[in-house]
Amino acid sequence: MPKDFESHFNNKFKESNKKKLIQATGYFLTKWSDIDPYVYFKCGFELLKGFSYFHFFDKKVMLLYQQRDKNKKREVKVVKEKLVESAKFVKRYMNDNNLSFRDYIDYKEGNRSIAVKHYLHNNLYRKILSKK
């Protein structure tokens, strides 16, 4: 990025690039407000070696962004479902054994906590979302 972007924008940008940048800025502030510009540009740089202002509206970039966004939302939905299943399992176990949550955490079978045992036996969901 140039130190004085405004001067660079006014003096060195081609007129077509100015229009594309202004249009893209307007889109990100209005009808693309749900789109994360960082992720969108990252998709652009992955797809096109010379990603620049005139590529902002390339359909391939938008399609890649949409696909990644859908995949992320699916993953979040699956994680949520698995966490709900885990919570129901713990609640059922606590009810069946007349335990409070504090008792459940402290309860041991042998030398191992019952919560750890449940985790190791895949009764509790273990996946953690990571930023990619």
Protein backbone atom coordinates (compact mmCIF):
# COMPACT_ATOMS: atom_id res chain seq x y z
CA MET A 1 0.00 0.00 0.00
CA PRO A 2 1.29 3.46 -0.80
CA LYS A 3 1.76 5.81 2.14
CA ASP A 4 -0.50 8.46 0.59
CA PHE A 5 -3.25 6.34 -0.92
CA GLU A 6 -5.42 9.32 -1.92
CA SER A 7 -2.61 10.87 -3.98
CA HIS A 8 -1.81 7.48 -5.51
CA PHE A 9 -5.50 6.90 -6.26
CA ASN A 10 -5.94 10.31 -7.92
CA ASN A 11 -2.66 10.41 -9.88
CA LYS A 12 -1.59 6.85 -10.70
CA PHE A 13 -4.79 4.80 -11.01
CA LYS A 14 -6.26 4.19 -14.42
CA GLU A 15 -9.78 5.53 -14.73
CA SER A 16 -11.16 2.00 -15.21
CA ASN A 17 -9.43 0.82 -11.98
CA LYS A 18 -10.80 3.82 -10.07
CA LYS A 19 -14.33 2.94 -11.18
CA LYS A 20 -13.90 -0.73 -10.22
CA LEU A 21 -12.50 0.15 -6.80
CA ILE A 22 -15.27 2.67 -6.09
CA GLN A 23 -17.90 0.19 -7.29
CA ALA A 24 -16.45 -2.65 -5.20
CA THR A 25 -16.27 -0.40 -2.12
CA GLY A 26 -19.93 0.51 -2.61
CA TYR A 27 -20.84 -3.16 -2.98
CA PHE A 28 -19.00 -4.17 0.20
CA LEU A 29 -20.85 -1.42 2.07
CA THR A 30 -24.30 -2.37 0.69
CA LYS A 31 -25.30 -5.52 -1.17
CA TRP A 32 -22.09 -7.42 -0.33
CA SER A 33 -22.18 -6.39 3.33
CA ASP A 34 -22.37 -10.09 4.36
CA ILE A 35 -19.17 -10.84 2.46
CA ASP A 36 -15.90 -10.75 4.37
CA PRO A 37 -13.58 -8.68 2.13
CA TYR A 38 -10.46 -10.38 3.53
CA VAL A 39 -11.76 -13.86 2.65
CA TYR A 40 -13.05 -12.62 -0.72
CA PHE A 41 -9.68 -11.13 -1.67
CA LYS A 42 -7.90 -14.23 -0.39
CA CYS A 43 -10.03 -16.28 -2.81
CA GLY A 44 -9.12 -13.87 -5.59
CA PHE A 45 -5.38 -14.18 -4.92
CA GLU A 46 -5.64 -17.98 -4.79
CA LEU A 47 -7.45 -18.16 -8.12
CA LEU A 48 -5.69 -15.45 -10.09
CA LYS A 49 -1.98 -14.83 -9.97
CA GLY A 50 -2.35 -11.12 -10.77
CA PHE A 51 -5.54 -10.46 -8.80
CA SER A 52 -6.25 -6.74 -8.95
CA TYR A 53 -9.01 -4.15 -9.14
CA PHE A 54 -10.38 -5.32 -12.47
CA HIS A 55 -10.80 -8.87 -11.08
CA PHE A 56 -13.08 -7.84 -8.20
CA PHE A 57 -16.18 -8.86 -10.14
CA ASP A 58 -14.80 -12.04 -11.68
CA LYS A 59 -17.48 -14.75 -11.35
CA LYS A 60 -14.85 -17.40 -10.50
CA VAL A 61 -13.82 -15.44 -7.41
CA MET A 62 -17.43 -15.08 -6.25
CA LEU A 63 -18.14 -18.76 -6.87
CA LEU A 64 -15.08 -19.84 -4.86
CA TYR A 65 -16.06 -17.47 -2.05
CA GLN A 66 -19.63 -18.82 -2.02
CA GLN A 67 -18.43 -22.42 -1.96
CA ARG A 68 -16.07 -21.76 0.96
CA ASP A 69 -18.76 -19.84 2.83
CA LYS A 70 -21.24 -22.70 2.40
CA ASN A 71 -18.66 -25.24 3.55
CA LYS A 72 -17.89 -23.15 6.63
CA LYS A 73 -21.60 -22.83 7.47
CA ARG A 74 -22.11 -26.58 7.02
CA GLU A 75 -19.19 -27.29 9.33
CA VAL A 76 -20.56 -24.90 11.96
CA LYS A 77 -23.98 -26.58 11.69
CA VAL A 78 -22.46 -30.05 12.17
CA VAL A 79 -20.39 -28.87 15.14
CA LYS A 80 -23.48 -27.34 16.73
CA GLU A 81 -25.46 -30.57 16.27
CA LYS A 82 -22.64 -32.65 17.75
CA LEU A 83 -22.28 -30.31 20.73
CA VAL A 84 -26.04 -30.56 21.40
CA GLU A 85 -25.78 -34.37 21.23
CA SER A 86 -22.87 -34.26 23.70
CA ALA A 87 -24.80 -32.05 26.10
CA LYS A 88 -27.81 -34.38 25.92
CA PHE A 89 -25.56 -37.37 26.61
CA VAL A 90 -24.09 -35.70 29.71
CA LYS A 91 -27.53 -34.63 30.93
CA ARG A 92 -28.90 -38.15 30.45
CA TYR A 93 -25.90 -39.65 32.29
CA MET A 94 -26.29 -37.17 35.16
CA ASN A 95 -30.02 -37.92 35.45
CA ASP A 96 -29.48 -41.69 35.31
CA ASN A 97 -26.83 -41.49 38.06
CA ASN A 98 -28.46 -38.71 40.10
CA LEU A 99 -25.45 -36.40 39.72
CA SER A 100 -25.11 -32.64 39.61
CA PHE A 101 -22.81 -31.16 36.98
CA ARG A 102 -20.13 -30.59 39.64
CA ASP A 103 -20.49 -34.24 40.72
CA TYR A 104 -20.23 -35.36 37.08
CA ILE A 105 -16.95 -33.48 36.67
CA ASP A 106 -15.53 -34.88 39.92
CA TYR A 107 -16.91 -38.44 39.46
CA LYS A 108 -14.20 -41.05 38.82
CA GLU A 109 -14.18 -44.60 37.56
CA GLY A 110 -10.92 -46.07 38.73
CA ASN A 111 -8.22 -43.42 38.38
CA ARG A 112 -9.91 -41.65 35.48
CA SER A 113 -12.60 -38.97 35.51
CA ILE A 114 -15.87 -40.17 33.99
CA ALA A 115 -15.91 -37.06 31.77
CA VAL A 116 -12.50 -38.02 30.36
CA LYS A 117 -13.70 -41.59 29.87
CA HIS A 118 -16.75 -40.36 27.97
CA TYR A 119 -14.51 -38.12 25.87
CA LEU A 120 -12.13 -40.97 25.05
CA HIS A 121 -15.06 -43.21 24.10
CA ASN A 122 -16.37 -40.52 21.70
CA ASN A 123 -19.49 -39.82 23.74
CA LEU A 124 -18.46 -36.17 23.84
CA TYR A 125 -17.68 -34.29 20.63
CA ARG A 126 -14.03 -33.42 20.31
CA LYS A 127 -13.69 -31.32 17.14
CA ILE A 128 -12.71 -27.70 17.60
CA LEU A 129 -13.22 -25.26 14.73
CA SER A 130 -9.97 -23.86 13.47
CA LYS A 131 -9.36 -20.76 11.42
CA LYS A 132 -8.12 -21.63 7.99
